[in-house]
PDB file of N, CA and C in Angstrom:
ATOM      1  N   MET A   1      -8.979   9.657  -4.341  1.00  0.00           N
ATOM      2  CA  MET A   1      -7.810   9.060  -3.744  1.00  0.00           C
ATOM      3  C   MET A   1      -7.590   7.653  -4.293  1.00  0.00           C
ATOM      4  N   LYS A   2      -6.391   7.352  -4.497  1.00  0.00           N
ATOM      5  CA  LYS A   2      -6.067   5.950  -4.893  1.00  0.00           C
ATOM      6  C   LYS A   2      -5.264   5.321  -3.884  1.00  0.00           C
ATOM      7  N   VAL A   3      -5.654   4.044  -3.475  1.00  0.00           N
ATOM      8  CA  VAL A   3      -4.877   3.242  -2.474  1.00  0.00           C
ATOM      9  C   VAL A   3      -4.286   2.019  -3.215  1.00  0.00           C
ATOM     10  N   ALA A   4      -3.155   1.629  -3.038  1.00  0.00           N
ATOM     11  CA  ALA A   4      -2.515   0.475  -3.550  1.00  0.00           C
ATOM     12  C   ALA A   4      -2.204  -0.550  -2.413  1.00  0.00           C
ATOM     13  N   ILE A   5      -2.586  -1.791  -2.781  1.00  0.00           N
ATOM     14  CA  ILE A   5      -2.293  -2.860  -1.745  1.00  0.00           C
ATOM     15  C   ILE A   5      -1.746  -4.089  -2.603  1.00  0.00           C
ATOM     16  N   PRO A   6      -0.322  -4.401  -2.363  1.00  0.00           N
ATOM     17  CA  PRO A   6       0.228  -5.563  -2.972  1.00  0.00           C
ATOM     18  C   PRO A   6      -0.525  -6.832  -2.388  1.00  0.00           C
ATOM     19  N   ARG A   7      -0.868  -7.783  -3.328  1.00  0.00           N
ATOM     20  CA  ARG A   7      -1.662  -8.974  -2.821  1.00  0.00           C
ATOM     21  C   ARG A   7      -1.040 -10.207  -3.120  1.00  0.00           C
ATOM     22  N   PHE A   8      -1.333 -11.249  -2.288  1.00  0.00           N
ATOM     23  CA  PHE A   8      -0.922 -12.602  -2.403  1.00  0.00           C
ATOM     24  C   PHE A   8      -2.243 -13.426  -2.237  1.00  0.00           C
ATOM     25  N   GLY A   9      -2.978 -13.554  -3.341  1.00  0.00           N
ATOM     26  CA  GLY A   9      -4.343 -14.074  -3.237  1.00  0.00           C
ATOM     27  C   GLY A   9      -5.281 -13.072  -2.642  1.00  0.00           C
ATOM     28  N   GLU A  10      -5.851 -13.383  -1.585  1.00  0.00           N
ATOM     29  CA  GLU A  10      -6.854 -12.436  -0.839  1.00  0.00           C
ATOM     30  C   GLU A  10      -6.148 -11.697   0.307  1.00  0.00           C
ATOM     31  N   LEU A  11      -4.881 -12.040   0.517  1.00  0.00           N
ATOM     32  CA  LEU A  11      -4.031 -11.429   1.630  1.00  0.00           C
ATOM     33  C   LEU A  11      -3.125 -10.364   1.136  1.00  0.00           C
ATOM     34  N   VAL A  12      -2.743  -9.513   2.014  1.00  0.00           N
ATOM     35  CA  VAL A  12      -1.828  -8.531   1.652  1.00  0.00           C
ATOM     36  C   VAL A  12      -0.392  -9.252   1.513  1.00  0.00           C
ATOM     37  N   ALA A  13       0.318  -8.969   0.492  1.00  0.00           N
ATOM     38  CA  ALA A  13       1.628  -9.665   0.216  1.00  0.00           C
ATOM     39  C   ALA A  13       2.504  -9.480   1.381  1.00  0.00           C
ATOM     40  N   PRO A  14       3.327 -10.408   1.845  1.00  0.00           N
ATOM     41  CA  PRO A  14       4.157 -10.177   3.058  1.00  0.00           C
ATOM     42  C   PRO A  14       5.374  -9.255   2.719  1.00  0.00           C
ATOM     43  N   CYS A  15       5.732  -9.013   1.423  1.00  0.00           N
ATOM     44  CA  CYS A  15       6.902  -8.190   1.065  1.00  0.00           C
ATOM     45  C   CYS A  15       6.560  -7.364  -0.201  1.00  0.00           C
ATOM     46  N   PHE A  16       6.397  -5.986  -0.177  1.00  0.00           N
ATOM     47  CA  PHE A  16       6.120  -5.335  -1.298  1.00  0.00           C
ATOM     48  C   PHE A  16       7.139  -5.671  -2.497  1.00  0.00           C
ATOM     49  N   GLU A  17       8.286  -5.729  -2.267  1.00  0.00           N
ATOM     50  CA  GLU A  17       9.254  -5.897  -3.365  1.00  0.00           C
ATOM     51  C   GLU A  17       9.037  -7.347  -4.234  1.00  0.00           C
ATOM     52  N   TYR A  18       8.580  -8.215  -3.593  1.00  0.00           N
ATOM     53  CA  TYR A  18       8.445  -9.495  -4.277  1.00  0.00           C
ATOM     54  C   TYR A  18       6.985  -9.764  -4.580  1.00  0.00           C
ATOM     55  N   SER A  19       6.094  -8.992  -4.403  1.00  0.00           N
ATOM     56  CA  SER A  19       4.607  -9.378  -4.772  1.00  0.00           C
ATOM     57  C   SER A  19       4.565  -9.380  -6.240  1.00  0.00           C
ATOM     58  N   ALA A  20       3.599 -10.189  -6.778  1.00  0.00           N
ATOM     59  CA  ALA A  20       3.499 -10.306  -8.137  1.00  0.00           C
ATOM     60  C   ALA A  20       2.257  -9.516  -8.693  1.00  0.00           C
ATOM     61  N   THR A  21       1.396  -9.096  -7.776  1.00  0.00           N
ATOM     62  CA  THR A  21       0.215  -8.375  -7.981  1.00  0.00           C
ATOM     63  C   THR A  21      -0.098  -7.313  -7.149  1.00  0.00           C
ATOM     64  N   ILE A  22      -0.561  -6.255  -7.596  1.00  0.00           N
ATOM     65  CA  ILE A  22      -0.935  -5.154  -6.794  1.00  0.00           C
ATOM     66  C   ILE A  22      -2.339  -4.605  -7.177  1.00  0.00           C
ATOM     67  N   ALA A  23      -3.174  -4.510  -6.188  1.00  0.00           N
ATOM     68  CA  ALA A  23      -4.542  -3.975  -6.455  1.00  0.00           C
ATOM     69  C   ALA A  23      -4.476  -2.436  -6.191  1.00  0.00           C
ATOM     70  N   ILE A  24      -5.058  -1.661  -7.122  1.00  0.00           N
ATOM     71  CA  ILE A  24      -5.262  -0.257  -6.839  1.00  0.00           C
ATOM     72  C   ILE A  24      -6.763   0.123  -6.921  1.00  0.00           C
ATOM     73  N   PHE A  25      -7.113   0.688  -5.736  1.00  0.00           N
ATOM     74  CA  PHE A  25      -8.547   1.048  -5.475  1.00  0.00           C
ATOM     75  C   PHE A  25      -8.616   2.545  -5.683  1.00  0.00           C
ATOM     76  N   THR A  26      -9.656   2.992  -6.377  1.00  0.00           N
ATOM     77  CA  THR A  26     -10.061   4.370  -6.540  1.00  0.00           C
ATOM     78  C   THR A  26     -11.219   4.575  -5.527  1.00  0.00           C
ATOM     79  N   VAL A  27     -10.955   5.499  -4.515  1.00  0.00           N
ATOM     80  CA  VAL A  27     -11.877   5.776  -3.481  1.00  0.00           C
ATOM     81  C   VAL A  27     -12.426   7.167  -3.574  1.00  0.00           C
ATOM     82  N   ASP A  28     -13.714   7.284  -3.399  1.00  0.00           N
ATOM     83  CA  ASP A  28     -14.318   8.506  -3.356  1.00  0.00           C
ATOM     84  C   ASP A  28     -15.428   8.518  -2.258  1.00  0.00           C
ATOM     85  N   ARG A  29     -15.400   9.511  -1.323  1.00  0.00           N
ATOM     86  CA  ARG A  29     -16.216   9.643  -0.172  1.00  0.00           C
ATOM     87  C   ARG A  29     -16.115   8.358   0.549  1.00  0.00           C
ATOM     88  N   ARG A  30     -14.913   7.894   0.832  1.00  0.00           N
ATOM     89  CA  ARG A  30     -14.708   6.562   1.755  1.00  0.00           C
ATOM     90  C   ARG A  30     -15.397   5.369   1.108  1.00  0.00           C
ATOM     91  N   LYS A  31     -15.620   5.316  -0.169  1.00  0.00           N
ATOM     92  CA  LYS A  31     -16.158   4.128  -0.931  1.00  0.00           C
ATOM     93  C   LYS A  31     -15.437   3.817  -2.042  1.00  0.00           C
ATOM     94  N   VAL A  32     -15.252   2.587  -2.377  1.00  0.00           N
ATOM     95  CA  VAL A  32     -14.409   2.159  -3.399  1.00  0.00           C
ATOM     96  C   VAL A  32     -15.300   2.147  -4.665  1.00  0.00           C
ATOM     97  N   VAL A  33     -14.743   2.902  -5.719  1.00  0.00           N
ATOM     98  CA  VAL A  33     -15.588   3.090  -7.051  1.00  0.00           C
ATOM     99  C   VAL A  33     -14.949   2.490  -8.137  1.00  0.00           C
ATOM    100  N   ASP A  34     -13.616   1.985  -8.026  1.00  0.00           N
ATOM    101  CA  ASP A  34     -12.970   1.235  -9.094  1.00  0.00           C
ATOM    102  C   ASP A  34     -11.881   0.356  -8.433  1.00  0.00           C
ATOM    103  N   GLU A  35     -11.623  -0.703  -9.115  1.00  0.00           N
ATOM    104  CA  GLU A  35     -10.453  -1.537  -8.601  1.00  0.00           C
ATOM    105  C   GLU A  35      -9.740  -2.097  -9.829  1.00  0.00           C
ATOM    106  N   LYS A  36      -8.425  -2.019  -9.905  1.00  0.00           N
ATOM    107  CA  LYS A  36      -7.732  -2.678 -10.956  1.00  0.00           C
ATOM    108  C   LYS A  36      -6.561  -3.404 -10.227  1.00  0.00           C
ATOM    109  N   ASP A  37      -6.282  -4.564 -10.976  1.00  0.00           N
ATOM    110  CA  ASP A  37      -5.076  -5.379 -10.619  1.00  0.00           C
ATOM    111  C   ASP A  37      -4.026  -5.198 -11.637  1.00  0.00           C
ATOM    112  N   PHE A  38      -2.748  -5.003 -11.138  1.00  0.00           N
ATOM    113  CA  PHE A  38      -1.719  -4.934 -12.079  1.00  0.00           C
ATOM    114  C   PHE A  38      -0.631  -6.016 -11.707  1.00  0.00           C
ATOM    115  N   CYS A  39      -0.132  -6.612 -12.805  1.00  0.00           N
ATOM    116  CA  CYS A  39       0.868  -7.692 -12.666  1.00  0.00           C
ATOM    117  C   CYS A  39       2.291  -6.952 -12.490  1.00  0.00           C
ATOM    118  N   LEU A  40       3.079  -7.260 -11.510  1.00  0.00           N
ATOM    119  CA  LEU A  40       4.299  -6.591 -11.256  1.00  0.00           C
ATOM    120  C   LEU A  40       5.408  -7.583 -11.736  1.00  0.00           C
ATOM    121  N   GLN A  41       5.795  -7.315 -12.922  1.00  0.00           N
ATOM    122  CA  GLN A  41       6.956  -8.271 -13.489  1.00  0.00           C
ATOM    123  C   GLN A  41       8.315  -7.778 -13.178  1.00  0.00           C
ATOM    124  N   SER A  42       8.431  -6.489 -12.872  1.00  0.00           N
ATOM    125  CA  SER A  42       9.842  -6.104 -12.618  1.00  0.00           C
ATOM    126  C   SER A  42      10.031  -5.937 -11.035  1.00  0.00           C
ATOM    127  N   ARG A  43      11.194  -6.303 -10.570  1.00  0.00           N
ATOM    128  CA  ARG A  43      11.565  -6.195  -9.146  1.00  0.00           C
ATOM    129  C   ARG A  43      12.322  -4.968  -8.941  1.00  0.00           C
ATOM    130  N   GLU A  44      12.555  -4.104  -9.957  1.00  0.00           N
ATOM    131  CA  GLU A  44      13.269  -2.994  -9.779  1.00  0.00           C
ATOM    132  C   GLU A  44      12.417  -1.921  -9.187  1.00  0.00           C
ATOM    133  N   ALA A  45      13.074  -1.309  -8.132  1.00  0.00           N
ATOM    134  CA  ALA A  45      12.420  -0.275  -7.305  1.00  0.00           C
ATOM    135  C   ALA A  45      11.742   0.808  -8.189  1.00  0.00           C
ATOM    136  N   LEU A  46      12.560   1.418  -9.040  1.00  0.00           N
ATOM    137  CA  LEU A  46      11.969   2.434  -9.890  1.00  0.00           C
ATOM    138  C   LEU A  46      10.864   2.083 -10.793  1.00  0.00           C
ATOM    139  N   ASP A  47      10.776   0.913 -11.270  1.00  0.00           N
ATOM    140  CA  ASP A  47       9.694   0.372 -11.993  1.00  0.00           C
ATOM    141  C   ASP A  47       8.366   0.331 -11.182  1.00  0.00           C
ATOM    142  N   ARG A  48       8.521  -0.117  -9.973  1.00  0.00           N
ATOM    143  CA  ARG A  48       7.319  -0.230  -9.189  1.00  0.00           C
ATOM    144  C   ARG A  48       6.929   1.205  -8.630  1.00  0.00           C
ATOM    145  N   VAL A  49       7.705   1.877  -8.309  1.00  0.00           N
ATOM    146  CA  VAL A  49       7.417   3.271  -7.892  1.00  0.00           C
ATOM    147  C   VAL A  49       6.816   3.940  -9.029  1.00  0.00           C
ATOM    148  N   ARG A  50       7.400   3.868 -10.166  1.00  0.00           N
ATOM    149  CA  ARG A  50       6.909   4.614 -11.374  1.00  0.00           C
ATOM    150  C   ARG A  50       5.445   4.219 -11.693  1.00  0.00           C
ATOM    151  N   LEU A  51       5.186   2.835 -11.548  1.00  0.00           N
ATOM    152  CA  LEU A  51       3.772   2.373 -11.851  1.00  0.00           C
ATOM    153  C   LEU A  51       2.788   3.054 -10.897  1.00  0.00           C
ATOM    154  N   LEU A  52       3.319   3.059  -9.525  1.00  0.00           N
ATOM    155  CA  LEU A  52       2.296   3.676  -8.561  1.00  0.00           C
ATOM    156  C   LEU A  52       2.090   5.188  -8.960  1.00  0.00           C
ATOM    157  N   ARG A  53       3.270   5.789  -9.140  1.00  0.00           N
ATOM    158  CA  ARG A  53       3.260   7.224  -9.484  1.00  0.00           C
ATOM    159  C   ARG A  53       2.358   7.443 -10.733  1.00  0.00           C
ATOM    160  N   ASP A  54       2.578   6.692 -11.725  1.00  0.00           N
ATOM    161  CA  ASP A  54       1.835   6.903 -13.010  1.00  0.00           C
ATOM    162  C   ASP A  54       0.401   6.693 -12.894  1.00  0.00           C
ATOM    163  N   GLN A  55      -0.014   5.706 -11.926  1.00  0.00           N
ATOM    164  CA  GLN A  55      -1.564   5.434 -11.729  1.00  0.00           C
ATOM    165  C   GLN A  55      -2.078   6.465 -10.706  1.00  0.00           C
ATOM    166  N   GLY A  56      -1.296   7.384 -10.224  1.00  0.00           N
ATOM    167  CA  GLY A  56      -1.846   8.546  -9.324  1.00  0.00           C
ATOM    168  C   GLY A  56      -2.117   7.813  -8.004  1.00  0.00           C
ATOM    169  N   VAL A  57      -1.350   6.921  -7.560  1.00  0.00           N
ATOM    170  CA  VAL A  57      -1.555   6.399  -6.106  1.00  0.00           C
ATOM    171  C   VAL A  57      -1.250   7.224  -5.108  1.00  0.00           C
ATOM    172  N   ASP A  58      -1.980   7.518  -4.156  1.00  0.00           N
ATOM    173  CA  ASP A  58      -1.700   8.366  -3.016  1.00  0.00           C
ATOM    174  C   ASP A  58      -1.229   7.728  -1.758  1.00  0.00           C
ATOM    175  N   MET A  59      -1.612   6.397  -1.593  1.00  0.00           N
ATOM    176  CA  MET A  59      -1.299   5.711  -0.274  1.00  0.00           C
ATOM    177  C   MET A  59      -1.048   4.172  -0.620  1.00  0.00           C
ATOM    178  N   LEU A  60      -0.029   3.602  -0.111  1.00  0.00           N
ATOM    179  CA  LEU A  60       0.343   2.250  -0.251  1.00  0.00           C
ATOM    180  C   LEU A  60       0.144   1.672   1.094  1.00  0.00           C
ATOM    181  N   ILE A  61      -0.664   0.519   1.094  1.00  0.00           N
ATOM    182  CA  ILE A  61      -0.847  -0.298   2.419  1.00  0.00           C
ATOM    183  C   ILE A  61      -0.137  -1.612   2.070  1.00  0.00           C
ATOM    184  N   CYS A  62       0.928  -1.941   2.834  1.00  0.00           N
ATOM    185  CA  CYS A  62       1.677  -3.162   2.369  1.00  0.00           C
ATOM    186  C   CYS A  62       2.168  -3.884   3.687  1.00  0.00           C
ATOM    187  N   GLY A  63       2.734  -5.153   3.464  1.00  0.00           N
ATOM    188  CA  GLY A  63       3.406  -5.795   4.535  1.00  0.00           C
ATOM    189  C   GLY A  63       4.850  -5.269   4.676  1.00  0.00           C
ATOM    190  N   GLY A  64       5.801  -6.098   4.558  1.00  0.00           N
ATOM    191  CA  GLY A  64       7.116  -5.517   4.720  1.00  0.00           C
ATOM    192  C   GLY A  64       7.604  -4.649   3.416  1.00  0.00           C
ATOM    193  N   VAL A  65       8.466  -3.719   3.677  1.00  0.00           N
ATOM    194  CA  VAL A  65       8.984  -3.035   2.607  1.00  0.00           C
ATOM    195  C   VAL A  65      10.430  -2.529   2.906  1.00  0.00           C
ATOM    196  N   HIS A  66      11.410  -2.653   2.076  1.00  0.00           N
ATOM    197  CA  HIS A  66      12.763  -2.106   2.352  1.00  0.00           C
ATOM    198  C   HIS A  66      12.742  -0.668   2.375  1.00  0.00           C
ATOM    199  N   THR A  67      13.651  -0.172   3.035  1.00  0.00           N
ATOM    200  CA  THR A  67      13.817   1.306   3.306  1.00  0.00           C
ATOM    201  C   THR A  67      13.924   2.007   2.044  1.00  0.00           C
ATOM    202  N   VAL A  68      14.783   1.426   1.087  1.00  0.00           N
ATOM    203  CA  VAL A  68      14.896   2.139  -0.191  1.00  0.00           C
ATOM    204  C   VAL A  68      13.699   2.351  -0.985  1.00  0.00           C
ATOM    205  N   PHE A  69      12.753   1.358  -0.985  1.00  0.00           N
ATOM    206  CA  PHE A  69      11.499   1.365  -1.671  1.00  0.00           C
ATOM    207  C   PHE A  69      10.656   2.425  -0.969  1.00  0.00           C
ATOM    208  N   GLU A  70      10.560   2.500   0.337  1.00  0.00           N
ATOM    209  CA  GLU A  70       9.785   3.326   1.039  1.00  0.00           C
ATOM    210  C   GLU A  70      10.163   4.763   0.804  1.00  0.00           C
ATOM    211  N   ASP A  71      11.606   4.990   0.919  1.00  0.00           N
ATOM    212  CA  ASP A  71      12.061   6.280   0.619  1.00  0.00           C
ATOM    213  C   ASP A  71      11.684   6.730  -0.764  1.00  0.00           C
ATOM    214  N   MET A  72      11.763   5.923  -1.770  1.00  0.00           N
ATOM    215  CA  MET A  72      11.429   6.461  -3.098  1.00  0.00           C
ATOM    216  C   MET A  72       9.887   6.732  -3.242  1.00  0.00           C
ATOM    217  N   LEU A  73       8.990   5.991  -2.526  1.00  0.00           N
ATOM    218  CA  LEU A  73       7.677   6.202  -2.488  1.00  0.00           C
ATOM    219  C   LEU A  73       7.303   7.584  -1.857  1.00  0.00           C
ATOM    220  N   VAL A  74       7.981   7.773  -0.718  1.00  0.00           N
ATOM    221  CA  VAL A  74       7.742   9.037  -0.064  1.00  0.00           C
ATOM    222  C   VAL A  74       8.257  10.277  -0.859  1.00  0.00           C
ATOM    223  N   GLU A  75       9.312  10.051  -1.541  1.00  0.00           N
ATOM    224  CA  GLU A  75       9.943  11.111  -2.462  1.00  0.00           C
ATOM    225  C   GLU A  75       8.869  11.412  -3.532  1.00  0.00           C
ATOM    226  N   ASN A  76       8.071  10.395  -3.968  1.00  0.00           N
ATOM    227  CA  ASN A  76       7.108  10.566  -4.953  1.00  0.00           C
ATOM    228  C   ASN A  76       5.675  10.890  -4.397  1.00  0.00           C
ATOM    229  N   ARG A  77       5.672  11.378  -3.101  1.00  0.00           N
ATOM    230  CA  ARG A  77       4.423  11.772  -2.553  1.00  0.00           C
ATOM    231  C   ARG A  77       3.321  10.768  -2.443  1.00  0.00           C
ATOM    232  N   ILE A  78       3.897   9.552  -2.200  1.00  0.00           N
ATOM    233  CA  ILE A  78       3.061   8.307  -1.852  1.00  0.00           C
ATOM    234  C   ILE A  78       3.188   8.042  -0.422  1.00  0.00           C
ATOM    235  N   ARG A  79       2.201   8.140   0.293  1.00  0.00           N
ATOM    236  CA  ARG A  79       2.224   7.820   1.657  1.00  0.00           C
ATOM    237  C   ARG A  79       2.100   6.266   1.888  1.00  0.00           C
ATOM    238  N   VAL A  80       2.758   5.781   2.978  1.00  0.00           N
ATOM    239  CA  VAL A  80       2.980   4.369   3.165  1.00  0.00           C
ATOM    240  C   VAL A  80       2.557   3.926   4.558  1.00  0.00           C
ATOM    241  N   ILE A  81       1.658   2.934   4.650  1.00  0.00           N
ATOM    242  CA  ILE A  81       1.323   2.326   5.922  1.00  0.00           C
ATOM    243  C   ILE A  81       1.922   0.949   5.639  1.00  0.00           C
ATOM    244  N   SER A  82       2.978   0.660   6.257  1.00  0.00           N
ATOM    245  CA  SER A  82       3.680  -0.688   6.229  1.00  0.00           C
ATOM    246  C   SER A  82       3.672  -1.643   7.479  1.00  0.00           C
ATOM    247  N   TRP A  83       4.117  -2.785   7.256  1.00  0.00           N
ATOM    248  CA  TRP A  83       4.285  -3.828   8.332  1.00  0.00           C
ATOM    249  C   TRP A  83       2.746  -4.266   8.810  1.00  0.00           C
ATOM    250  N   VAL A  84       1.896  -4.339   7.855  1.00  0.00           N
ATOM    251  CA  VAL A  84       0.506  -4.857   8.250  1.00  0.00           C
ATOM    252  C   VAL A  84       0.438  -6.164   7.601  1.00  0.00           C
ATOM    253  N   SER A  85      -0.582  -7.030   8.257  1.00  0.00           N
ATOM    254  CA  SER A  85      -0.871  -8.266   7.520  1.00  0.00           C
ATOM    255  C   SER A  85      -2.414  -8.455   7.724  1.00  0.00           C
ATOM    256  N   GLY A  86      -2.993  -9.380   6.831  1.00  0.00           N
ATOM    257  CA  GLY A  86      -4.310  -9.684   7.043  1.00  0.00           C
ATOM    258  C   GLY A  86      -4.904  -9.640   5.573  1.00  0.00           C
ATOM    259  N   GLY A  87      -6.248  -9.753   5.452  1.00  0.00           N
ATOM    260  CA  GLY A  87      -6.939  -9.733   4.174  1.00  0.00           C
ATOM    261  C   GLY A  87      -7.037  -8.387   3.585  1.00  0.00           C
ATOM    262  N   VAL A  88      -6.930  -8.447   2.234  1.00  0.00           N
ATOM    263  CA  VAL A  88      -6.893  -7.133   1.466  1.00  0.00           C
ATOM    264  C   VAL A  88      -8.156  -6.296   1.785  1.00  0.00           C
ATOM    265  N   ASP A  89      -9.316  -6.991   1.764  1.00  0.00           N
ATOM    266  CA  ASP A  89     -10.597  -6.372   1.925  1.00  0.00           C
ATOM    267  C   ASP A  89     -10.673  -5.780   3.366  1.00  0.00           C
ATOM    268  N   GLU A  90     -10.231  -6.513   4.392  1.00  0.00           N
ATOM    269  CA  GLU A  90     -10.239  -6.101   5.834  1.00  0.00           C
ATOM    270  C   GLU A  90      -9.535  -4.826   5.975  1.00  0.00           C
ATOM    271  N   LEU A  91      -8.199  -4.835   5.391  1.00  0.00           N
ATOM    272  CA  LEU A  91      -7.276  -3.707   5.564  1.00  0.00           C
ATOM    273  C   LEU A  91      -7.802  -2.511   4.901  1.00  0.00           C
ATOM    274  N   LEU A  92      -8.415  -2.639   3.666  1.00  0.00           N
ATOM    275  CA  LEU A  92      -9.034  -1.485   2.920  1.00  0.00           C
ATOM    276  C   LEU A  92     -10.298  -0.917   3.753  1.00  0.00           C
ATOM    277  N   LYS A  93     -11.014  -1.876   4.351  1.00  0.00           N
ATOM    278  CA  LYS A  93     -12.230  -1.540   5.132  1.00  0.00           C
ATOM    279  C   LYS A  93     -11.817  -0.604   6.297  1.00  0.00           C
ATOM    280  N   ARG A  94     -10.685  -1.243   7.072  1.00  0.00           N
ATOM    281  CA  ARG A  94     -10.146  -0.471   8.218  1.00  0.00           C
ATOM    282  C   ARG A  94      -9.506   0.915   7.853  1.00  0.00           C
ATOM    283  N   PHE A  95      -8.863   0.988   6.786  1.00  0.00           N
ATOM    284  CA  PHE A  95      -8.425   2.256   6.168  1.00  0.00           C
ATOM    285  C   PHE A  95      -9.555   3.253   5.925  1.00  0.00           C
ATOM    286  N   LEU A  96     -10.594   2.766   5.190  1.00  0.00           N
ATOM    287  CA  LEU A  96     -11.691   3.683   4.863  1.00  0.00           C
ATOM    288  C   LEU A  96     -12.410   4.134   6.098  1.00  0.00           C
ATOM    289  N   GLU A  97     -12.442   3.407   7.160  1.00  0.00           N
ATOM    290  CA  GLU A  97     -13.119   3.679   8.353  1.00  0.00           C
ATOM    291  C   GLU A  97     -12.161   4.604   9.222  1.00  0.00           C
ATOM    292  N   GLY A  98     -10.985   4.983   8.914  1.00  0.00           N
ATOM    293  CA  GLY A  98     -10.012   5.682   9.536  1.00  0.00           C
ATOM    294  C   GLY A  98      -9.288   5.004  10.770  1.00  0.00           C
ATOM    295  N   GLU A  99      -9.431   3.628  10.715  1.00  0.00           N
ATOM    296  CA  GLU A  99      -8.838   2.886  11.731  1.00  0.00           C
ATOM    297  C   GLU A  99      -7.440   2.462  11.355  1.00  0.00           C
ATOM    298  N   LEU A 100      -6.961   2.609  10.250  1.00  0.00           N
ATOM    299  CA  LEU A 100      -5.789   2.251   9.740  1.00  0.00           C
ATOM    300  C   LEU A 100      -5.069   3.395   9.054  1.00  0.00           C
ATOM    301  N   THR A 101      -4.115   4.060   9.872  1.00  0.00           N
ATOM    302  CA  THR A 101      -3.517   5.351   9.313  1.00  0.00           C
ATOM    303  C   THR A 101      -2.094   5.237   9.691  1.00  0.00           C
ATOM    304  N   PRO A 102      -1.302   5.962   8.893  1.00  0.00           N
ATOM    305  CA  PRO A 102       0.243   6.002   9.241  1.00  0.00           C
ATOM    306  C   PRO A 102       0.348   6.506  10.768  1.00  0.00           C
ATOM    307  N   GLY A 103       1.165   5.698  11.454  1.00  0.00           N
ATOM    308  CA  GLY A 103       1.546   5.986  12.872  1.00  0.00           C
ATOM    309  C   GLY A 103       0.543   5.605  13.834  1.00  0.00           C
ATOM    310  N   SER A 104      -0.691   5.070  13.481  1.00  0.00           N
ATOM    311  CA  SER A 104      -1.764   4.841  14.408  1.00  0.00           C
ATOM    312  C   SER A 104      -1.587   3.672  15.231  1.00  0.00           C
ATOM    313  N   GLY A 105      -0.731   2.801  14.642  1.00  0.00           N
ATOM    314  CA  GLY A 105      -0.541   1.436  15.415  1.00  0.00           C
ATOM    315  C   GLY A 105      -1.681   0.471  15.218  1.00  0.00           C
ATOM    316  N   GLN A 106      -2.692   0.912  14.559  1.00  0.00           N
ATOM    317  CA  GLN A 106      -3.867  -0.020  14.202  1.00  0.00           C
ATOM    318  C   GLN A 106      -3.551  -0.910  13.135  1.00  0.00           C
ATOM    319  N   VAL A 107      -3.303  -2.164  13.248  1.00  0.00           N
ATOM    320  CA  VAL A 107      -3.003  -3.125  12.172  1.00  0.00           C
ATOM    321  C   VAL A 107      -3.663  -4.368  12.466  1.00  0.00           C
ATOM    322  N   CYS A 108      -3.615  -5.199  11.350  1.00  0.00           N
ATOM    323  CA  CYS A 108      -4.314  -6.614  11.526  1.00  0.00           C
ATOM    324  C   CYS A 108      -3.224  -7.614  11.765  1.00  0.00           C
ATOM    325  N   GLY A 109      -3.018  -7.888  13.050  1.00  0.00           N
ATOM    326  CA  GLY A 109      -2.142  -9.121  13.388  1.00  0.00           C
ATOM    327  C   GLY A 109      -0.621  -8.705  13.360  1.00  0.00           C
ATOM    328  N   THR A 110      -0.190  -7.497  13.408  1.00  0.00           N
ATOM    329  CA  THR A 110       1.159  -7.213  13.479  1.00  0.00           C
ATOM    330  C   THR A 110       1.637  -6.237  14.633  1.00  0.00           C
ATOM    331  N   ALA A 111       2.786  -5.953  14.814  1.00  0.00           N
ATOM    332  CA  ALA A 111       3.219  -5.148  15.842  1.00  0.00           C
ATOM    333  C   ALA A 111       2.909  -3.668  15.748  1.00  0.00           C
ATOM    334  N   GLY A 112       2.897  -3.155  14.581  1.00  0.00           N
ATOM    335  CA  GLY A 112       2.520  -1.810  14.384  1.00  0.00           C
ATOM    336  C   GLY A 112       2.863  -1.097  12.996  1.00  0.00           C
ATOM    337  N   THR A 113       2.655   0.047  12.921  1.00  0.00           N
ATOM    338  CA  THR A 113       2.762   0.694  11.646  1.00  0.00           C
ATOM    339  C   THR A 113       3.896   1.783  11.800  1.00  0.00           C
ATOM    340  N   ARG A 114       4.403   2.390  10.792  1.00  0.00           N
ATOM    341  CA  ARG A 114       5.356   3.437  10.969  1.00  0.00           C
ATOM    342  C   ARG A 114       5.135   4.439   9.861  1.00  0.00           C
ATOM    343  N   GLU A 115       5.337   5.636  10.243  1.00  0.00           N
ATOM    344  CA  GLU A 115       5.123   6.753   9.223  1.00  0.00           C
ATOM    345  C   GLU A 115       6.379   7.387   8.915  1.00  0.00           C
ATOM    346  N   ARG A 116       6.510   7.612   7.617  1.00  0.00           N
ATOM    347  CA  ARG A 116       7.848   8.355   7.059  1.00  0.00           C
ATOM    348  C   ARG A 116       7.281   9.722   6.787  1.00  0.00           C
ATOM    349  N   ARG A 117       7.831  10.846   7.440  1.00  0.00           N
ATOM    350  CA  ARG A 117       7.352  12.145   7.276  1.00  0.00           C
ATOM    351  C   ARG A 117       8.364  12.797   6.309  1.00  0.00           C
ATOM    352  N   GLU A 118       7.713  13.774   5.449  1.00  0.00           N
ATOM    353  CA  GLU A 118       8.537  14.607   4.601  1.00  0.00           C
ATOM    354  C   GLU A 118       9.082  15.665   5.365  1.00  0.00           C
ATOM    355  N   SER A 119      10.468  16.046   5.046  1.00  0.00           N
ATOM    356  CA  SER A 119      11.001  17.134   5.782  1.00  0.00           C
ATOM    357  C   SER A 119      10.801  18.407   4.953  1.00  0.00           C
TER     358      SER A 119
END
């Protein structure tokens, strides 16, 4: 499984569309086995979604995200946990422990998460 988290330093970026860097973690048996950072130069929705799709990302954990971006991600079979805040390491740890899942309401310092379901 691959998990992407847009970052602003050591924190999750407040807005997916404007983040300059995204970390992509490869996870096997609930442990991180690889991490790569990508510079996001384009703000075009298709370019960002294409990067995540081409990298084989299964899950995006992010702060704010506009509906058009989230819809494109879901259409490309990338699940989204949005509207979270906190440290990248803490969010990833909580996700790996099963405490941060779409629709769980378990977040670091925000009101909640939401899940977009495929029809």
